[in-house]
Structures are given as C-alpha cells and as structure tokens.
Amino acid sequence: MPKIKTHKASAKRFSLTKSGKVKRGQAYRSHILTKKSTKRKRGLRKSAYASVANEATIKRLILYK
C-alpha cells in the first residue's frame, strides 16, 4: 500500500487546536468588500471552527490523528 498523501490545499486552510477541534478562516472576506459594513468585515477577521459533521473528513485530508 502506498502512503496517503496530505491534501495540501486543505492543510493550508485548516489547523487543529489542542483539544482536537478544526480551526478555519471565515468566508466572504476576499472581494466585493465595499458593500459590507465595517462591523461585518471586522467580525470576518476572526477564525471559526469547522462543524462537527465535517471534522472527520478534514482531519483525514490534513492527516492529523
């Protein structure tokens, strides 16, 4: 059996916390920012956590056990 490769795009987008949660960046922050309020853009700077339903899939892609 060959080794399982890390999905590099996923590894760059997600990271694991010490407790095993998957940390992710917020969406809707890259372009068309003029119509978004300052408060909304400021809130989008903060990181968030991936949903529990997707955690196992993401962990498999980034190869953290």
PDB file of N, CA and C in Angstrom:
ATOM      1  N   MET A   1       0.837  -1.194   0.000  1.00  0.00           N
ATOM      2  CA  MET A   1       0.000   0.000   0.000  1.00  0.00           C
ATOM      3  C   MET A   1       0.879   1.254   0.000  1.00  0.00           C
ATOM      4  N   PRO A   2       0.584   2.192  -0.886  1.00  0.00           N
ATOM      5  CA  PRO A   2       1.350   3.443  -0.859  1.00  0.00           C
ATOM      6  C   PRO A   2       0.917   4.322   0.307  1.00  0.00           C
ATOM      7  N   LYS A   3       1.772   5.273   0.627  1.00  0.00           N
ATOM      8  CA  LYS A   3       1.434   6.218   1.693  1.00  0.00           C
ATOM      9  C   LYS A   3       0.280   7.108   1.244  1.00  0.00           C
ATOM     10  N   ILE A   4      -0.498   7.584   2.206  1.00  0.00           N
ATOM     11  CA  ILE A   4      -1.581   8.524   1.896  1.00  0.00           C
ATOM     12  C   ILE A   4      -0.987   9.925   1.894  1.00  0.00           C
ATOM     13  N   LYS A   5      -1.243  10.656   0.827  1.00  0.00           N
ATOM     14  CA  LYS A   5      -0.692  11.999   0.705  1.00  0.00           C
ATOM     15  C   LYS A   5      -1.586  13.012   1.411  1.00  0.00           C
ATOM     16  N   THR A   6      -0.983  14.042   1.951  1.00  0.00           N
ATOM     17  CA  THR A   6      -1.711  15.166   2.543  1.00  0.00           C
ATOM     18  C   THR A   6      -2.345  15.975   1.421  1.00  0.00           C
ATOM     19  N   HIS A   7      -3.587  16.388   1.613  1.00  0.00           N
ATOM     20  CA  HIS A   7      -4.241  17.281   0.662  1.00  0.00           C
ATOM     21  C   HIS A   7      -3.769  18.687   0.995  1.00  0.00           C
ATOM     22  N   LYS A   8      -2.823  19.200   0.203  1.00  0.00           N
ATOM     23  CA  LYS A   8      -2.124  20.429   0.538  1.00  0.00           C
ATOM     24  C   LYS A   8      -3.045  21.648   0.626  1.00  0.00           C
ATOM     25  N   ALA A   9      -4.059  21.725  -0.229  1.00  0.00           N
ATOM     26  CA  ALA A   9      -4.981  22.863  -0.174  1.00  0.00           C
ATOM     27  C   ALA A   9      -5.727  22.885   1.153  1.00  0.00           C
ATOM     28  N   SER A  10      -6.136  21.717   1.618  1.00  0.00           N
ATOM     29  CA  SER A  10      -6.828  21.628   2.906  1.00  0.00           C
ATOM     30  C   SER A  10      -5.886  21.918   4.066  1.00  0.00           C
ATOM     31  N   ALA A  11      -4.658  21.449   3.974  1.00  0.00           N
ATOM     32  CA  ALA A  11      -3.696  21.656   5.045  1.00  0.00           C
ATOM     33  C   ALA A  11      -3.392  23.134   5.243  1.00  0.00           C
ATOM     34  N   LYS A  12      -3.460  23.914   4.158  1.00  0.00           N
ATOM     35  CA  LYS A  12      -3.211  25.348   4.263  1.00  0.00           C
ATOM     36  C   LYS A  12      -4.406  26.094   4.843  1.00  0.00           C
ATOM     37  N   ARG A  13      -5.602  25.549   4.675  1.00  0.00           N
ATOM     38  CA  ARG A  13      -6.821  26.242   5.099  1.00  0.00           C
ATOM     39  C   ARG A  13      -7.277  25.903   6.512  1.00  0.00           C
ATOM     40  N   PHE A  14      -6.906  24.739   6.995  1.00  0.00           N
ATOM     41  CA  PHE A  14      -7.379  24.277   8.300  1.00  0.00           C
ATOM     42  C   PHE A  14      -6.207  23.984   9.222  1.00  0.00           C
ATOM     43  N   SER A  15      -6.439  24.135  10.520  1.00  0.00           N
ATOM     44  CA  SER A  15      -5.448  23.722  11.507  1.00  0.00           C
ATOM     45  C   SER A  15      -6.180  23.120  12.691  1.00  0.00           C
ATOM     46  N   LEU A  16      -5.439  22.329  13.463  1.00  0.00           N
ATOM     47  CA  LEU A  16      -6.039  21.674  14.620  1.00  0.00           C
ATOM     48  C   LEU A  16      -5.702  22.424  15.888  1.00  0.00           C
ATOM     49  N   THR A  17      -6.663  22.472  16.817  1.00  0.00           N
ATOM     50  CA  THR A  17      -6.410  23.028  18.128  1.00  0.00           C
ATOM     51  C   THR A  17      -5.932  21.910  19.045  1.00  0.00           C
ATOM     52  N   LYS A  18      -5.498  22.260  20.237  1.00  0.00           N
ATOM     53  CA  LYS A  18      -5.014  21.251  21.187  1.00  0.00           C
ATOM     54  C   LYS A  18      -6.119  20.286  21.592  1.00  0.00           C
ATOM     55  N   SER A  19      -7.363  20.787  21.619  1.00  0.00           N
ATOM     56  CA  SER A  19      -8.479  19.929  22.028  1.00  0.00           C
ATOM     57  C   SER A  19      -8.998  19.067  20.882  1.00  0.00           C
ATOM     58  N   GLY A  20      -8.440  19.241  19.669  1.00  0.00           N
ATOM     59  CA  GLY A  20      -8.829  18.400  18.542  1.00  0.00           C
ATOM     60  C   GLY A  20      -9.871  19.006  17.627  1.00  0.00           C
ATOM     61  N   LYS A  21     -10.287  20.249  17.904  1.00  0.00           N
ATOM     62  CA  LYS A  21     -11.230  20.916  17.010  1.00  0.00           C
ATOM     63  C   LYS A  21     -10.488  21.384  15.763  1.00  0.00           C
ATOM     64  N   VAL A  22     -11.252  21.585  14.680  1.00  0.00           N
ATOM     65  CA  VAL A  22     -10.658  22.051  13.431  1.00  0.00           C
ATOM     66  C   VAL A  22     -10.934  23.544  13.291  1.00  0.00           C
ATOM     67  N   LYS A  23      -9.867  24.344  13.223  1.00  0.00           N
ATOM     68  CA  LYS A  23      -9.995  25.787  13.103  1.00  0.00           C
ATOM     69  C   LYS A  23      -9.954  26.167  11.629  1.00  0.00           C
ATOM     70  N   ARG A  24     -10.775  27.142  11.246  1.00  0.00           N
ATOM     71  CA  ARG A  24     -10.830  27.585   9.857  1.00  0.00           C
ATOM     72  C   ARG A  24     -10.975  29.096   9.799  1.00  0.00           C
ATOM     73  N   GLY A  25     -10.686  29.663   8.648  1.00  0.00           N
ATOM     74  CA  GLY A  25     -10.893  31.087   8.435  1.00  0.00           C
ATOM     75  C   GLY A  25     -12.313  31.343   7.971  1.00  0.00           C
ATOM     76  N   GLN A  26     -12.737  32.596   8.077  1.00  0.00           N
ATOM     77  CA  GLN A  26     -14.094  32.961   7.663  1.00  0.00           C
ATOM     78  C   GLN A  26     -14.155  33.151   6.149  1.00  0.00           C
ATOM     79  N   ALA A  27     -15.295  32.860   5.569  1.00  0.00           N
ATOM     80  CA  ALA A  27     -15.534  33.105   4.151  1.00  0.00           C
ATOM     81  C   ALA A  27     -16.059  34.534   3.957  1.00  0.00           C
ATOM     82  N   TYR A  28     -16.215  34.946   2.717  1.00  0.00           N
ATOM     83  CA  TYR A  28     -16.799  36.248   2.345  1.00  0.00           C
ATOM     84  C   TYR A  28     -15.915  37.422   2.741  1.00  0.00           C
ATOM     85  N   ARG A  29     -14.611  37.238   2.703  1.00  0.00           N
ATOM     86  CA  ARG A  29     -13.706  38.305   3.119  1.00  0.00           C
ATOM     87  C   ARG A  29     -12.749  38.695   1.993  1.00  0.00           C
ATOM     88  N   SER A  30     -12.844  38.053   0.834  1.00  0.00           N
ATOM     89  CA  SER A  30     -11.809  38.239  -0.180  1.00  0.00           C
ATOM     90  C   SER A  30     -12.067  39.388  -1.158  1.00  0.00           C
ATOM     91  N   HIS A  31     -13.306  39.626  -1.549  1.00  0.00           N
ATOM     92  CA  HIS A  31     -13.575  40.693  -2.522  1.00  0.00           C
ATOM     93  C   HIS A  31     -15.003  41.201  -2.351  1.00  0.00           C
ATOM     94  N   ILE A  32     -15.345  42.250  -3.112  1.00  0.00           N
ATOM     95  CA  ILE A  32     -16.641  42.945  -3.003  1.00  0.00           C
ATOM     96  C   ILE A  32     -16.865  43.378  -1.549  1.00  0.00           C
ATOM     97  N   LEU A  33     -15.888  44.098  -1.014  1.00  0.00           N
ATOM     98  CA  LEU A  33     -15.946  44.495   0.382  1.00  0.00           C
ATOM     99  C   LEU A  33     -16.601  45.854   0.588  1.00  0.00           C
ATOM    100  N   THR A  34     -16.846  46.595  -0.494  1.00  0.00           N
ATOM    101  CA  THR A  34     -17.378  47.952  -0.339  1.00  0.00           C
ATOM    102  C   THR A  34     -18.804  47.945   0.192  1.00  0.00           C
ATOM    103  N   LYS A  35     -19.593  46.969  -0.181  1.00  0.00           N
ATOM    104  CA  LYS A  35     -20.986  46.927   0.273  1.00  0.00           C
ATOM    105  C   LYS A  35     -21.154  46.307   1.653  1.00  0.00           C
ATOM    106  N   LYS A  36     -20.084  45.714   2.193  1.00  0.00           N
ATOM    107  CA  LYS A  36     -20.160  45.093   3.514  1.00  0.00           C
ATOM    108  C   LYS A  36     -19.798  46.127   4.580  1.00  0.00           C
ATOM    109  N   SER A  37     -20.511  46.086   5.678  1.00  0.00           N
ATOM    110  CA  SER A  37     -20.285  47.072   6.730  1.00  0.00           C
ATOM    111  C   SER A  37     -18.950  46.813   7.425  1.00  0.00           C
ATOM    112  N   THR A  38     -18.425  47.852   8.062  1.00  0.00           N
ATOM    113  CA  THR A  38     -17.166  47.736   8.789  1.00  0.00           C
ATOM    114  C   THR A  38     -17.284  46.710   9.900  1.00  0.00           C
ATOM    115  N   LYS A  39     -18.417  46.699  10.565  1.00  0.00           N
ATOM    116  CA  LYS A  39     -18.642  45.759  11.658  1.00  0.00           C
ATOM    117  C   LYS A  39     -18.612  44.323  11.144  1.00  0.00           C
ATOM    118  N   ARG A  40     -19.238  44.108   9.991  1.00  0.00           N
ATOM    119  CA  ARG A  40     -19.273  42.763   9.411  1.00  0.00           C
ATOM    120  C   ARG A  40     -17.882  42.303   8.997  1.00  0.00           C
ATOM    121  N   LYS A  41     -17.119  43.210   8.365  1.00  0.00           N
ATOM    122  CA  LYS A  41     -15.764  42.861   7.928  1.00  0.00           C
ATOM    123  C   LYS A  41     -14.855  42.593   9.119  1.00  0.00           C
ATOM    124  N   ARG A  42     -15.028  43.345  10.179  1.00  0.00           N
ATOM    125  CA  ARG A  42     -14.226  43.145  11.384  1.00  0.00           C
ATOM    126  C   ARG A  42     -14.509  41.786  12.004  1.00  0.00           C
ATOM    127  N   GLY A  43     -15.777  41.380  11.999  1.00  0.00           N
ATOM    128  CA  GLY A  43     -16.155  40.073  12.518  1.00  0.00           C
ATOM    129  C   GLY A  43     -15.624  38.925  11.684  1.00  0.00           C
ATOM    130  N   LEU A  44     -15.466  39.166  10.387  1.00  0.00           N
ATOM    131  CA  LEU A  44     -14.965  38.126   9.490  1.00  0.00           C
ATOM    132  C   LEU A  44     -13.467  37.875   9.648  1.00  0.00           C
ATOM    133  N   ARG A  45     -12.752  38.781  10.325  1.00  0.00           N
ATOM    134  CA  ARG A  45     -11.324  38.570  10.555  1.00  0.00           C
ATOM    135  C   ARG A  45     -11.074  37.418  11.512  1.00  0.00           C
ATOM    136  N   LYS A  46     -12.000  37.197  12.423  1.00  0.00           N
ATOM    137  CA  LYS A  46     -11.812  36.183  13.459  1.00  0.00           C
ATOM    138  C   LYS A  46     -11.945  34.782  12.860  1.00  0.00           C
ATOM    139  N   SER A  47     -11.199  33.865  13.421  1.00  0.00           N
ATOM    140  CA  SER A  47     -11.297  32.491  12.942  1.00  0.00           C
ATOM    141  C   SER A  47     -12.523  31.820  13.548  1.00  0.00           C
ATOM    142  N   ALA A  48     -12.916  30.719  12.948  1.00  0.00           N
ATOM    143  CA  ALA A  48     -14.082  29.969  13.417  1.00  0.00           C
ATOM    144  C   ALA A  48     -13.711  28.492  13.454  1.00  0.00           C
ATOM    145  N   TYR A  49     -14.649  27.672  13.869  1.00  0.00           N
ATOM    146  CA  TYR A  49     -14.412  26.236  13.930  1.00  0.00           C
ATOM    147  C   TYR A  49     -15.263  25.533  12.889  1.00  0.00           C
ATOM    148  N   ALA A  50     -14.710  24.484  12.298  1.00  0.00           N
ATOM    149  CA  ALA A  50     -15.460  23.681  11.333  1.00  0.00           C
ATOM    150  C   ALA A  50     -16.546  22.911  12.074  1.00  0.00           C
ATOM    151  N   SER A  51     -17.621  22.600  11.379  1.00  0.00           N
ATOM    152  CA  SER A  51     -18.720  21.877  12.010  1.00  0.00           C
ATOM    153  C   SER A  51     -18.278  20.464  12.380  1.00  0.00           C
ATOM    154  N   VAL A  52     -18.925  19.923  13.378  1.00  0.00           N
ATOM    155  CA  VAL A  52     -18.580  18.583  13.867  1.00  0.00           C
ATOM    156  C   VAL A  52     -18.799  17.543  12.770  1.00  0.00           C
ATOM    157  N   ALA A  53     -19.796  17.781  11.904  1.00  0.00           N
ATOM    158  CA  ALA A  53     -20.096  16.844  10.821  1.00  0.00           C
ATOM    159  C   ALA A  53     -18.942  16.730   9.826  1.00  0.00           C
ATOM    160  N   ASN A  54     -18.179  17.814   9.655  1.00  0.00           N
ATOM    161  CA  ASN A  54     -17.084  17.812   8.677  1.00  0.00           C
ATOM    162  C   ASN A  54     -15.721  17.536   9.285  1.00  0.00           C
ATOM    163  N   GLU A  55     -15.634  17.459  10.603  1.00  0.00           N
ATOM    164  CA  GLU A  55     -14.336  17.329  11.268  1.00  0.00           C
ATOM    165  C   GLU A  55     -13.560  16.094  10.827  1.00  0.00           C
ATOM    166  N   ALA A  56     -14.207  14.941  10.778  1.00  0.00           N
ATOM    167  CA  ALA A  56     -13.511  13.698  10.446  1.00  0.00           C
ATOM    168  C   ALA A  56     -12.942  13.759   9.030  1.00  0.00           C
ATOM    169  N   THR A  57     -13.694  14.312   8.101  1.00  0.00           N
ATOM    170  CA  THR A  57     -13.239  14.427   6.713  1.00  0.00           C
ATOM    171  C   THR A  57     -12.015  15.324   6.615  1.00  0.00           C
ATOM    172  N   ILE A  58     -12.066  16.471   7.292  1.00  0.00           N
ATOM    173  CA  ILE A  58     -10.952  17.416   7.238  1.00  0.00           C
ATOM    174  C   ILE A  58      -9.717  16.835   7.884  1.00  0.00           C
ATOM    175  N   LYS A  59      -9.888  16.156   9.011  1.00  0.00           N
ATOM    176  CA  LYS A  59      -8.731  15.559   9.687  1.00  0.00           C
ATOM    177  C   LYS A  59      -8.068  14.496   8.817  1.00  0.00           C
ATOM    178  N   ARG A  60      -8.870  13.757   8.057  1.00  0.00           N
ATOM    179  CA  ARG A  60      -8.300  12.763   7.161  1.00  0.00           C
ATOM    180  C   ARG A  60      -7.511  13.434   6.032  1.00  0.00           C
ATOM    181  N   LEU A  61      -8.026  14.553   5.533  1.00  0.00           N
ATOM    182  CA  LEU A  61      -7.339  15.256   4.445  1.00  0.00           C
ATOM    183  C   LEU A  61      -6.011  15.869   4.891  1.00  0.00           C
ATOM    184  N   ILE A  62      -5.991  16.393   6.126  1.00  0.00           N
ATOM    185  CA  ILE A  62      -4.757  17.038   6.582  1.00  0.00           C
ATOM    186  C   ILE A  62      -3.878  16.101   7.393  1.00  0.00           C
ATOM    187  N   LEU A  63      -4.314  14.850   7.544  1.00  0.00           N
ATOM    188  CA  LEU A  63      -3.521  13.772   8.143  1.00  0.00           C
ATOM    189  C   LEU A  63      -3.066  14.034   9.561  1.00  0.00           C
ATOM    190  N   TYR A  64      -3.966  14.553  10.403  1.00  0.00           N
ATOM    191  CA  TYR A  64      -3.675  14.649  11.825  1.00  0.00           C
ATOM    192  C   TYR A  64      -4.490  13.565  12.513  1.00  0.00           C
ATOM    193  N   LYS A  65      -3.916  12.911  13.449  1.00  0.00           N
ATOM    194  CA  LYS A  65      -4.664  11.873  14.161  1.00  0.00           C
ATOM    195  C   LYS A  65      -4.941  12.333  15.566  1.00  0.00           C
TER     196      LYS A  65
END
